[in-house]
Amino acid sequence: MKILSWFLVIAGVCGLIGVRALEGTLFYDPFLDYFHEANKHIEFPAFEWGRLIAGHVFRFILNLFFSCLIIYGLFRNKDWTIQGVVMMIVVFAITLPIYLYCIHSKFEIGYLFSFYMRRFVIQPLIILLIVPMFYYRKQMIIKESRKS
């Protein structure tokens, strides 16, 4: 069973790397070049709202899938995997509207704020919090079982 767990983790990590590596071809995101320039004075790109939102949702679904592989591979616990999914959905549901508002206001709320909101929308940053949290939970369960 250890081999399957490691395979799931490696597949999840490779999947997340693949999503990042192929972002320019897989997703519609005219703000990719805008933020890669790191120049807040360049012209605001033209875009289509529907395609932009669909691209972000599609990217989120792929990141969610690969993140679930990592969580399940590491902890082999369906309940924790579901909890991870719920947490990632909640973070996405909070950050996407904020990021869309930033776009609507043409980043008047702040270039860096918009940049980091975008990071939470397009990157699975929440997994960097979920994995240590579940690892800690696992260690506490092991500690409690040793006491009994």
C-alpha atoms as a PDB file:
ATOM      1  CA  MET A   1       0.000   0.000   0.000  1.00  0.00           C
ATOM      2  CA  LYS A   2       2.913   2.375   0.510  1.00  0.00           C
ATOM      3  CA  ILE A   3       3.712   2.255  -3.206  1.00  0.00           C
ATOM      4  CA  LEU A   4       0.175   3.319  -4.122  1.00  0.00           C
ATOM      5  CA  SER A   5       0.337   6.185  -1.620  1.00  0.00           C
ATOM      6  CA  TRP A   6       3.615   7.459  -3.044  1.00  0.00           C
ATOM      7  CA  PHE A   7       2.279   7.063  -6.574  1.00  0.00           C
ATOM      8  CA  LEU A   8      -0.770   9.206  -5.700  1.00  0.00           C
ATOM      9  CA  VAL A   9       1.393  11.908  -4.126  1.00  0.00           C
ATOM     10  CA  ILE A  10       3.827  11.951  -7.051  1.00  0.00           C
ATOM     11  CA  ALA A  11       0.971  11.965  -9.571  1.00  0.00           C
ATOM     12  CA  GLY A  12      -0.655  14.864  -7.708  1.00  0.00           C
ATOM     13  CA  VAL A  13       2.551  16.890  -7.563  1.00  0.00           C
ATOM     14  CA  CYS A  14       3.299  16.188 -11.236  1.00  0.00           C
ATOM     15  CA  GLY A  15      -0.261  17.154 -12.114  1.00  0.00           C
ATOM     16  CA  LEU A  16       0.041  20.482 -10.278  1.00  0.00           C
ATOM     17  CA  ILE A  17       3.369  21.134 -11.985  1.00  0.00           C
ATOM     18  CA  GLY A  18       1.764  20.254 -15.329  1.00  0.00           C
ATOM     19  CA  VAL A  19      -1.106  22.665 -14.752  1.00  0.00           C
ATOM     20  CA  ARG A  20       1.396  25.408 -13.980  1.00  0.00           C
ATOM     21  CA  ALA A  21       3.667  24.534 -16.909  1.00  0.00           C
ATOM     22  CA  LEU A  22       0.811  24.432 -19.421  1.00  0.00           C
ATOM     23  CA  GLU A  23      -1.138  27.406 -18.077  1.00  0.00           C
ATOM     24  CA  GLY A  24      -0.522  29.465 -21.198  1.00  0.00           C
ATOM     25  CA  THR A  25      -2.061  26.847 -23.490  1.00  0.00           C
ATOM     26  CA  LEU A  26      -4.714  25.216 -21.281  1.00  0.00           C
ATOM     27  CA  PHE A  27      -6.453  28.291 -19.885  1.00  0.00           C
ATOM     28  CA  TYR A  28      -7.779  31.568 -21.145  1.00  0.00           C
ATOM     29  CA  ASP A  29      -6.062  34.183 -19.014  1.00  0.00           C
ATOM     30  CA  PRO A  30      -5.077  37.477 -20.637  1.00  0.00           C
ATOM     31  CA  PHE A  31      -3.701  38.629 -17.277  1.00  0.00           C
ATOM     32  CA  LEU A  32      -0.918  36.046 -17.441  1.00  0.00           C
ATOM     33  CA  ASP A  33       1.341  38.331 -19.461  1.00  0.00           C
ATOM     34  CA  TYR A  34       0.092  41.393 -17.604  1.00  0.00           C
ATOM     35  CA  PHE A  35       1.376  40.066 -14.285  1.00  0.00           C
ATOM     36  CA  HIS A  36       4.460  38.411 -15.785  1.00  0.00           C
ATOM     37  CA  GLU A  37       5.613  41.841 -16.942  1.00  0.00           C
ATOM     38  CA  ALA A  38       5.578  43.011 -13.309  1.00  0.00           C
ATOM     39  CA  ASN A  39       4.867  46.518 -14.539  1.00  0.00           C
ATOM     40  CA  LYS A  40       1.679  48.032 -13.216  1.00  0.00           C
ATOM     41  CA  HIS A  41       1.815  50.817 -15.787  1.00  0.00           C
ATOM     42  CA  ILE A  42       1.297  48.635 -18.879  1.00  0.00           C
ATOM     43  CA  GLU A  43      -2.039  48.728 -20.643  1.00  0.00           C
ATOM     44  CA  PHE A  44      -4.897  46.841 -19.015  1.00  0.00           C
ATOM     45  CA  PRO A  45      -5.621  43.808 -21.240  1.00  0.00           C
ATOM     46  CA  ALA A  46      -8.892  43.267 -23.096  1.00  0.00           C
ATOM     47  CA  PHE A  47     -10.737  40.137 -22.013  1.00  0.00           C
ATOM     48  CA  GLU A  48     -14.034  38.246 -22.079  1.00  0.00           C
ATOM     49  CA  TRP A  49     -15.677  37.782 -18.675  1.00  0.00           C
ATOM     50  CA  GLY A  50     -17.274  34.417 -19.461  1.00  0.00           C
ATOM     51  CA  ARG A  51     -14.119  32.823 -20.831  1.00  0.00           C
ATOM     52  CA  LEU A  52     -12.038  34.256 -18.000  1.00  0.00           C
ATOM     53  CA  ILE A  53     -14.319  32.874 -15.283  1.00  0.00           C
ATOM     54  CA  ALA A  54     -14.648  29.515 -17.062  1.00  0.00           C
ATOM     55  CA  GLY A  55     -10.859  29.316 -17.376  1.00  0.00           C
ATOM     56  CA  HIS A  56     -10.363  30.003 -13.679  1.00  0.00           C
ATOM     57  CA  VAL A  57     -13.023  27.471 -12.673  1.00  0.00           C
ATOM     58  CA  PHE A  58     -11.502  24.833 -14.973  1.00  0.00           C
ATOM     59  CA  ARG A  59      -8.054  25.513 -13.539  1.00  0.00           C
ATOM     60  CA  PHE A  60      -9.452  25.300 -10.003  1.00  0.00           C
ATOM     61  CA  ILE A  61     -11.059  21.926 -10.754  1.00  0.00           C
ATOM     62  CA  LEU A  62      -7.773  20.538 -12.077  1.00  0.00           C
ATOM     63  CA  ASN A  63      -5.833  21.907  -9.089  1.00  0.00           C
ATOM     64  CA  LEU A  64      -8.485  20.514  -6.746  1.00  0.00           C
ATOM     65  CA  PHE A  65      -8.254  17.060  -8.309  1.00  0.00           C
ATOM     66  CA  PHE A  66      -4.463  16.909  -8.081  1.00  0.00           C
ATOM     67  CA  SER A  67      -4.508  18.333  -4.557  1.00  0.00           C
ATOM     68  CA  CYS A  68      -6.948  15.579  -3.534  1.00  0.00           C
ATOM     69  CA  LEU A  69      -4.547  12.975  -4.879  1.00  0.00           C
ATOM     70  CA  ILE A  70      -1.814  14.437  -2.685  1.00  0.00           C
ATOM     71  CA  ILE A  71      -3.982  14.597   0.437  1.00  0.00           C
ATOM     72  CA  TYR A  72      -5.362  11.097  -0.002  1.00  0.00           C
ATOM     73  CA  GLY A  73      -1.939   9.689  -0.845  1.00  0.00           C
ATOM     74  CA  LEU A  74      -0.373  11.215   2.246  1.00  0.00           C
ATOM     75  CA  PHE A  75      -3.076  10.408   4.791  1.00  0.00           C
ATOM     76  CA  ARG A  76      -5.213   7.631   3.249  1.00  0.00           C
ATOM     77  CA  ASN A  77      -8.313   9.098   4.851  1.00  0.00           C
ATOM     78  CA  LYS A  78     -11.419   9.829   2.790  1.00  0.00           C
ATOM     79  CA  ASP A  79     -12.941  12.096   5.443  1.00  0.00           C
ATOM     80  CA  TRP A  80      -9.824  14.256   5.571  1.00  0.00           C
ATOM     81  CA  THR A  81      -9.717  14.395   1.794  1.00  0.00           C
ATOM     82  CA  ILE A  82     -13.326  15.614   1.755  1.00  0.00           C
ATOM     83  CA  GLN A  83     -12.493  18.176   4.430  1.00  0.00           C
ATOM     84  CA  GLY A  84      -9.576  19.360   2.284  1.00  0.00           C
ATOM     85  CA  VAL A  85     -11.909  19.685  -0.703  1.00  0.00           C
ATOM     86  CA  VAL A  86     -14.377  21.726   1.344  1.00  0.00           C
ATOM     87  CA  MET A  87     -11.621  24.035   2.593  1.00  0.00           C
ATOM     88  CA  MET A  88     -10.263  24.566  -0.925  1.00  0.00           C
ATOM     89  CA  ILE A  89     -13.755  25.280  -2.275  1.00  0.00           C
ATOM     90  CA  VAL A  90     -14.403  27.795   0.512  1.00  0.00           C
ATOM     91  CA  VAL A  91     -11.127  29.619  -0.178  1.00  0.00           C
ATOM     92  CA  PHE A  92     -11.877  29.666  -3.922  1.00  0.00           C
ATOM     93  CA  ALA A  93     -15.446  30.872  -3.296  1.00  0.00           C
ATOM     94  CA  ILE A  94     -14.079  33.747  -1.230  1.00  0.00           C
ATOM     95  CA  THR A  95     -11.106  34.744  -3.375  1.00  0.00           C
ATOM     96  CA  LEU A  96     -12.624  34.470  -6.875  1.00  0.00           C
ATOM     97  CA  PRO A  97     -15.250  37.203  -6.357  1.00  0.00           C
ATOM     98  CA  ILE A  98     -12.635  39.449  -4.747  1.00  0.00           C
ATOM     99  CA  TYR A  99     -10.297  38.910  -7.687  1.00  0.00           C
ATOM    100  CA  LEU A 100     -13.114  39.525 -10.175  1.00  0.00           C
ATOM    101  CA  TYR A 101     -13.893  42.777  -8.367  1.00  0.00           C
ATOM    102  CA  CYS A 102     -10.219  43.721  -8.669  1.00  0.00           C
ATOM    103  CA  ILE A 103     -10.438  43.113 -12.415  1.00  0.00           C
ATOM    104  CA  HIS A 104     -13.699  45.062 -12.639  1.00  0.00           C
ATOM    105  CA  SER A 105     -12.051  48.037 -10.951  1.00  0.00           C
ATOM    106  CA  LYS A 106      -8.956  47.641 -13.171  1.00  0.00           C
ATOM    107  CA  PHE A 107      -6.845  46.902 -10.101  1.00  0.00           C
ATOM    108  CA  GLU A 108      -7.583  50.277  -8.530  1.00  0.00           C
ATOM    109  CA  ILE A 109      -7.839  48.500  -5.198  1.00  0.00           C
ATOM    110  CA  GLY A 110      -4.097  47.882  -5.494  1.00  0.00           C
ATOM    111  CA  TYR A 111      -1.795  46.131  -7.912  1.00  0.00           C
ATOM    112  CA  LEU A 112      -0.120  43.914  -5.316  1.00  0.00           C
ATOM    113  CA  PHE A 113      -3.395  43.073  -3.584  1.00  0.00           C
ATOM    114  CA  SER A 114      -4.841  42.051  -6.960  1.00  0.00           C
ATOM    115  CA  PHE A 115      -1.693  40.076  -7.769  1.00  0.00           C
ATOM    116  CA  TYR A 116      -1.941  38.076  -4.555  1.00  0.00           C
ATOM    117  CA  MET A 117      -5.698  37.546  -4.864  1.00  0.00           C
ATOM    118  CA  ARG A 118      -4.984  36.124  -8.300  1.00  0.00           C
ATOM    119  CA  ARG A 119      -2.430  33.763  -6.755  1.00  0.00           C
ATOM    120  CA  PHE A 120      -5.062  32.350  -4.402  1.00  0.00           C
ATOM    121  CA  VAL A 121      -7.438  31.897  -7.345  1.00  0.00           C
ATOM    122  CA  ILE A 122      -5.068  30.232  -9.812  1.00  0.00           C
ATOM    123  CA  GLN A 123      -2.626  28.395  -7.525  1.00  0.00           C
ATOM    124  CA  PRO A 124      -3.470  25.696  -4.953  1.00  0.00           C
ATOM    125  CA  LEU A 125      -1.774  27.602  -2.119  1.00  0.00           C
ATOM    126  CA  ILE A 126      -4.241  26.313   0.455  1.00  0.00           C
ATOM    127  CA  ILE A 127      -2.689  22.836   0.207  1.00  0.00           C
ATOM    128  CA  LEU A 128       0.396  24.311   1.868  1.00  0.00           C
ATOM    129  CA  LEU A 129      -1.788  24.857   4.933  1.00  0.00           C
ATOM    130  CA  ILE A 130      -3.908  21.724   4.713  1.00  0.00           C
ATOM    131  CA  VAL A 131      -1.063  19.198   4.607  1.00  0.00           C
ATOM    132  CA  PRO A 132       0.688  20.425   7.784  1.00  0.00           C
ATOM    133  CA  MET A 133      -2.675  20.747   9.534  1.00  0.00           C
ATOM    134  CA  PHE A 134      -3.609  17.146   8.733  1.00  0.00           C
ATOM    135  CA  TYR A 135      -0.095  15.957   9.599  1.00  0.00           C
ATOM    136  CA  TYR A 136      -0.435  17.619  13.004  1.00  0.00           C
ATOM    137  CA  ARG A 137      -3.866  16.041  13.447  1.00  0.00           C
ATOM    138  CA  LYS A 138      -2.420  12.635  12.576  1.00  0.00           C
ATOM    139  CA  GLN A 139       0.383  13.084  15.123  1.00  0.00           C
ATOM    140  CA  MET A 140      -2.136  14.065  17.804  1.00  0.00           C
ATOM    141  CA  ILE A 141      -4.222  10.979  17.069  1.00  0.00           C
ATOM    142  CA  ILE A 142      -1.129   8.783  17.327  1.00  0.00           C
ATOM    143  CA  LYS A 143      -0.177  10.479  20.605  1.00  0.00           C
ATOM    144  CA  GLU A 144      -3.685   9.978  22.013  1.00  0.00           C
ATOM    145  CA  SER A 145      -3.730   6.302  21.006  1.00  0.00           C
ATOM    146  CA  ARG A 146      -0.419   5.724  22.798  1.00  0.00           C
ATOM    147  CA  LYS A 147      -1.843   7.229  25.994  1.00  0.00           C
ATOM    148  CA  SER A 148      -4.833   4.883  26.019  1.00  0.00           C
END
